[in-house]
Amino acid sequence: MASEQFKLNNSQQLPLQAGYSVNANVNLGKVTSKQTLLGKFEDELNSQRRR
């Protein structure tokens, strides 16, 4: 890979190189991916509390 560019919403481009870390927030409709993942743990925790 010679070079890669990440395009931002305002048409800016950022150079990327191998080894760069990336963080992203992904929205699934009105529910974020974080809520989706944590929801499974919350459900399990709540079921354990009921016992």
PDB file of N, CA and C in Angstrom:
ATOM      1  N   MET A   1       0.846  -1.165   0.000  1.00  0.00           N
ATOM      2  CA  MET A   1       0.000   0.000   0.000  1.00  0.00           C
ATOM      3  C   MET A   1       0.898   1.237   0.000  1.00  0.00           C
ATOM      4  N   ALA A   2       0.863   1.988  -1.044  1.00  0.00           N
ATOM      5  CA  ALA A   2       1.677   3.191  -1.150  1.00  0.00           C
ATOM      6  C   ALA A   2       1.136   4.287  -0.236  1.00  0.00           C
ATOM      7  N   SER A   3      -0.150   4.577  -0.335  1.00  0.00           N
ATOM      8  CA  SER A   3      -0.763   5.555   0.564  1.00  0.00           C
ATOM      9  C   SER A   3      -2.276   5.397   0.534  1.00  0.00           C
ATOM     10  N   GLU A   4      -2.902   5.742   1.631  1.00  0.00           N
ATOM     11  CA  GLU A   4      -4.355   5.725   1.764  1.00  0.00           C
ATOM     12  C   GLU A   4      -4.777   7.069   2.326  1.00  0.00           C
ATOM     13  N   GLN A   5      -5.960   7.500   1.955  1.00  0.00           N
ATOM     14  CA  GLN A   5      -6.504   8.755   2.443  1.00  0.00           C
ATOM     15  C   GLN A   5      -7.860   8.488   3.076  1.00  0.00           C
ATOM     16  N   PHE A   6      -8.126   9.151   4.200  1.00  0.00           N
ATOM     17  CA  PHE A   6      -9.434   9.110   4.837  1.00  0.00           C
ATOM     18  C   PHE A   6     -10.110  10.436   4.548  1.00  0.00           C
ATOM     19  N   LYS A   7     -11.279  10.385   3.933  1.00  0.00           N
ATOM     20  CA  LYS A   7     -11.982  11.610   3.566  1.00  0.00           C
ATOM     21  C   LYS A   7     -12.978  11.985   4.654  1.00  0.00           C
ATOM     22  N   LEU A   8     -12.882  13.223   5.142  1.00  0.00           N
ATOM     23  CA  LEU A   8     -13.799  13.736   6.144  1.00  0.00           C
ATOM     24  C   LEU A   8     -15.016  14.343   5.463  1.00  0.00           C
ATOM     25  N   ASN A   9     -16.053  14.638   6.252  1.00  0.00           N
ATOM     26  CA  ASN A   9     -17.281  15.220   5.701  1.00  0.00           C
ATOM     27  C   ASN A   9     -17.040  16.563   5.033  1.00  0.00           C
ATOM     28  N   ASN A  10     -16.058  17.312   5.504  1.00  0.00           N
ATOM     29  CA  ASN A  10     -15.811  18.643   4.934  1.00  0.00           C
ATOM     30  C   ASN A  10     -14.799  18.585   3.785  1.00  0.00           C
ATOM     31  N   SER A  11     -14.652  17.441   3.154  1.00  0.00           N
ATOM     32  CA  SER A  11     -13.779  17.209   1.997  1.00  0.00           C
ATOM     33  C   SER A  11     -12.289  17.228   2.326  1.00  0.00           C
ATOM     34  N   GLN A  12     -11.924  17.359   3.592  1.00  0.00           N
ATOM     35  CA  GLN A  12     -10.514  17.248   3.970  1.00  0.00           C
ATOM     36  C   GLN A  12     -10.093  15.789   3.833  1.00  0.00           C
ATOM     37  N   GLN A  13      -8.816  15.574   3.563  1.00  0.00           N
ATOM     38  CA  GLN A  13      -8.278  14.225   3.493  1.00  0.00           C
ATOM     39  C   GLN A  13      -7.136  14.091   4.489  1.00  0.00           C
ATOM     40  N   LEU A  14      -7.150  12.999   5.224  1.00  0.00           N
ATOM     41  CA  LEU A  14      -6.095  12.707   6.185  1.00  0.00           C
ATOM     42  C   LEU A  14      -5.294  11.515   5.687  1.00  0.00           C
ATOM     43  N   PRO A  15      -3.971  11.605   5.707  1.00  0.00           N
ATOM     44  CA  PRO A  15      -3.167  10.451   5.286  1.00  0.00           C
ATOM     45  C   PRO A  15      -3.192   9.350   6.344  1.00  0.00           C
ATOM     46  N   LEU A  16      -3.316   8.114   5.899  1.00  0.00           N
ATOM     47  CA  LEU A  16      -3.296   6.963   6.797  1.00  0.00           C
ATOM     48  C   LEU A  16      -2.098   6.089   6.475  1.00  0.00           C
ATOM     49  N   GLN A  17      -1.555   5.466   7.497  1.00  0.00           N
ATOM     50  CA  GLN A  17      -0.452   4.541   7.315  1.00  0.00           C
ATOM     51  C   GLN A  17      -0.743   3.273   8.096  1.00  0.00           C
ATOM     52  N   ALA A  18      -0.120   2.189   7.710  1.00  0.00           N
ATOM     53  CA  ALA A  18      -0.276   0.921   8.421  1.00  0.00           C
ATOM     54  C   ALA A  18       0.119   1.105   9.875  1.00  0.00           C
ATOM     55  N   GLY A  19      -0.673   0.547  10.777  1.00  0.00           N
ATOM     56  CA  GLY A  19      -0.379   0.630  12.194  1.00  0.00           C
ATOM     57  C   GLY A  19      -1.129   1.726  12.917  1.00  0.00           C
ATOM     58  N   TYR A  20      -1.797   2.615  12.191  1.00  0.00           N
ATOM     59  CA  TYR A  20      -2.591   3.659  12.835  1.00  0.00           C
ATOM     60  C   TYR A  20      -3.812   3.010  13.476  1.00  0.00           C
ATOM     61  N   SER A  21      -4.164   3.441  14.665  1.00  0.00           N
ATOM     62  CA  SER A  21      -5.381   2.932  15.288  1.00  0.00           C
ATOM     63  C   SER A  21      -6.547   3.826  14.888  1.00  0.00           C
ATOM     64  N   VAL A  22      -7.720   3.233  14.868  1.00  0.00           N
ATOM     65  CA  VAL A  22      -8.921   3.959  14.466  1.00  0.00           C
ATOM     66  C   VAL A  22     -10.002   3.713  15.493  1.00  0.00           C
ATOM     67  N   ASN A  23     -10.669   4.774  15.928  1.00  0.00           N
ATOM     68  CA  ASN A  23     -11.841   4.675  16.794  1.00  0.00           C
ATOM     69  C   ASN A  23     -13.032   5.198  16.014  1.00  0.00           C
ATOM     70  N   ALA A  24     -14.171   4.532  16.170  1.00  0.00           N
ATOM     71  CA  ALA A  24     -15.361   4.967  15.433  1.00  0.00           C
ATOM     72  C   ALA A  24     -16.606   4.719  16.266  1.00  0.00           C
ATOM     73  N   ASN A  25     -17.557   5.595  16.126  1.00  0.00           N
ATOM     74  CA  ASN A  25     -18.889   5.398  16.697  1.00  0.00           C
ATOM     75  C   ASN A  25     -19.815   5.027  15.561  1.00  0.00           C
ATOM     76  N   VAL A  26     -20.506   3.912  15.735  1.00  0.00           N
ATOM     77  CA  VAL A  26     -21.419   3.438  14.695  1.00  0.00           C
ATOM     78  C   VAL A  26     -22.831   3.518  15.246  1.00  0.00           C
ATOM     79  N   ASN A  27     -23.688   4.222  14.548  1.00  0.00           N
ATOM     80  CA  ASN A  27     -25.083   4.313  14.959  1.00  0.00           C
ATOM     81  C   ASN A  27     -25.916   3.357  14.134  1.00  0.00           C
ATOM     82  N   LEU A  28     -26.720   2.549  14.821  1.00  0.00           N
ATOM     83  CA  LEU A  28     -27.637   1.621  14.169  1.00  0.00           C
ATOM     84  C   LEU A  28     -29.039   2.165  14.369  1.00  0.00           C
ATOM     85  N   GLY A  29     -29.441   3.031  13.483  1.00  0.00           N
ATOM     86  CA  GLY A  29     -30.735   3.684  13.656  1.00  0.00           C
ATOM     87  C   GLY A  29     -30.647   4.642  14.821  1.00  0.00           C
ATOM     88  N   LYS A  30     -31.542   4.486  15.776  1.00  0.00           N
ATOM     89  CA  LYS A  30     -31.542   5.357  16.948  1.00  0.00           C
ATOM     90  C   LYS A  30     -30.773   4.744  18.113  1.00  0.00           C
ATOM     91  N   VAL A  31     -30.214   3.555  17.905  1.00  0.00           N
ATOM     92  CA  VAL A  31     -29.473   2.852  18.954  1.00  0.00           C
ATOM     93  C   VAL A  31     -28.005   2.778  18.541  1.00  0.00           C
ATOM     94  N   THR A  32     -27.105   3.183  19.434  1.00  0.00           N
ATOM     95  CA  THR A  32     -25.686   3.107  19.116  1.00  0.00           C
ATOM     96  C   THR A  32     -25.194   1.673  19.285  1.00  0.00           C
ATOM     97  N   SER A  33     -24.074   1.357  18.671  1.00  0.00           N
ATOM     98  CA  SER A  33     -23.506   0.010  18.802  1.00  0.00           C
ATOM     99  C   SER A  33     -23.142  -0.265  20.258  1.00  0.00           C
ATOM    100  N   LYS A  34     -22.730   0.766  20.984  1.00  0.00           N
ATOM    101  CA  LYS A  34     -22.401   0.602  22.402  1.00  0.00           C
ATOM    102  C   LYS A  34     -23.640   0.163  23.185  1.00  0.00           C
ATOM    103  N   GLN A  35     -24.779   0.780  22.909  1.00  0.00           N
ATOM    104  CA  GLN A  35     -26.013   0.398  23.582  1.00  0.00           C
ATOM    105  C   GLN A  35     -26.406  -1.026  23.231  1.00  0.00           C
ATOM    106  N   THR A  36     -26.184  -1.421  21.987  1.00  0.00           N
ATOM    107  CA  THR A  36     -26.518  -2.772  21.555  1.00  0.00           C
ATOM    108  C   THR A  36     -25.672  -3.800  22.290  1.00  0.00           C
ATOM    109  N   LEU A  37     -24.375  -3.547  22.374  1.00  0.00           N
ATOM    110  CA  LEU A  37     -23.481  -4.480  23.062  1.00  0.00           C
ATOM    111  C   LEU A  37     -23.759  -4.526  24.554  1.00  0.00           C
ATOM    112  N   LEU A  38     -23.909  -3.360  25.178  1.00  0.00           N
ATOM    113  CA  LEU A  38     -24.143  -3.327  26.616  1.00  0.00           C
ATOM    114  C   LEU A  38     -25.522  -3.848  26.983  1.00  0.00           C
ATOM    115  N   GLY A  39     -26.471  -3.740  26.071  1.00  0.00           N
ATOM    116  CA  GLY A  39     -27.814  -4.230  26.333  1.00  0.00           C
ATOM    117  C   GLY A  39     -27.827  -5.717  26.629  1.00  0.00           C
ATOM    118  N   LYS A  40     -26.995  -6.474  25.927  1.00  0.00           N
ATOM    119  CA  LYS A  40     -26.921  -7.918  26.165  1.00  0.00           C
ATOM    120  C   LYS A  40     -26.409  -8.205  27.578  1.00  0.00           C
ATOM    121  N   PHE A  41     -25.416  -7.454  28.020  1.00  0.00           N
ATOM    122  CA  PHE A  41     -24.885  -7.642  29.366  1.00  0.00           C
ATOM    123  C   PHE A  41     -25.890  -7.203  30.417  1.00  0.00           C
ATOM    124  N   GLU A  42     -26.596  -6.118  30.146  1.00  0.00           N
ATOM    125  CA  GLU A  42     -27.614  -5.639  31.085  1.00  0.00           C
ATOM    126  C   GLU A  42     -28.729  -6.664  31.233  1.00  0.00           C
ATOM    127  N   ASP A  43     -29.147  -7.270  30.127  1.00  0.00           N
ATOM    128  CA  ASP A  43     -30.193  -8.292  30.182  1.00  0.00           C
ATOM    129  C   ASP A  43     -29.752  -9.468  31.044  1.00  0.00           C
ATOM    130  N   GLU A  44     -28.524  -9.907  30.864  1.00  0.00           N
ATOM    131  CA  GLU A  44     -27.995 -11.027  31.655  1.00  0.00           C
ATOM    132  C   GLU A  44     -27.906 -10.651  33.125  1.00  0.00           C
ATOM    133  N   LEU A  45     -27.431  -9.452  33.397  1.00  0.00           N
ATOM    134  CA  LEU A  45     -27.318  -8.980  34.778  1.00  0.00           C
ATOM    135  C   LEU A  45     -28.689  -8.909  35.433  1.00  0.00           C
ATOM    136  N   ASN A  46     -29.664  -8.388  34.728  1.00  0.00           N
ATOM    137  CA  ASN A  46     -31.020  -8.287  35.276  1.00  0.00           C
ATOM    138  C   ASN A  46     -31.619  -9.666  35.534  1.00  0.00           C
ATOM    139  N   SER A  47     -31.351 -10.627  34.661  1.00  0.00           N
ATOM    140  CA  SER A  47     -31.887 -11.969  34.885  1.00  0.00           C
ATOM    141  C   SER A  47     -31.217 -12.614  36.093  1.00  0.00           C
ATOM    142  N   GLN A  48     -29.940 -12.310  36.329  1.00  0.00           N
ATOM    143  CA  GLN A  48     -29.250 -12.844  37.500  1.00  0.00           C
ATOM    144  C   GLN A  48     -29.796 -12.234  38.789  1.00  0.00           C
ATOM    145  N   ARG A  49     -30.166 -10.985  38.734  1.00  0.00           N
ATOM    146  CA  ARG A  49     -30.717 -10.288  39.910  1.00  0.00           C
ATOM    147  C   ARG A  49     -32.076 -10.857  40.305  1.00  0.00           C
ATOM    148  N   ARG A  50     -32.857 -11.297  39.308  1.00  0.00           N
ATOM    149  CA  ARG A  50     -34.202 -11.813  39.574  1.00  0.00           C
ATOM    150  C   ARG A  50     -34.161 -13.161  40.266  1.00  0.00           C
ATOM    151  N   ARG A  51     -33.069 -13.883  40.164  1.00  0.00           N
ATOM    152  CA  ARG A  51     -32.979 -15.233  40.741  1.00  0.00           C
ATOM    153  C   ARG A  51     -32.816 -15.211  42.222  1.00  0.00           C
TER     154      ARG A  51
END
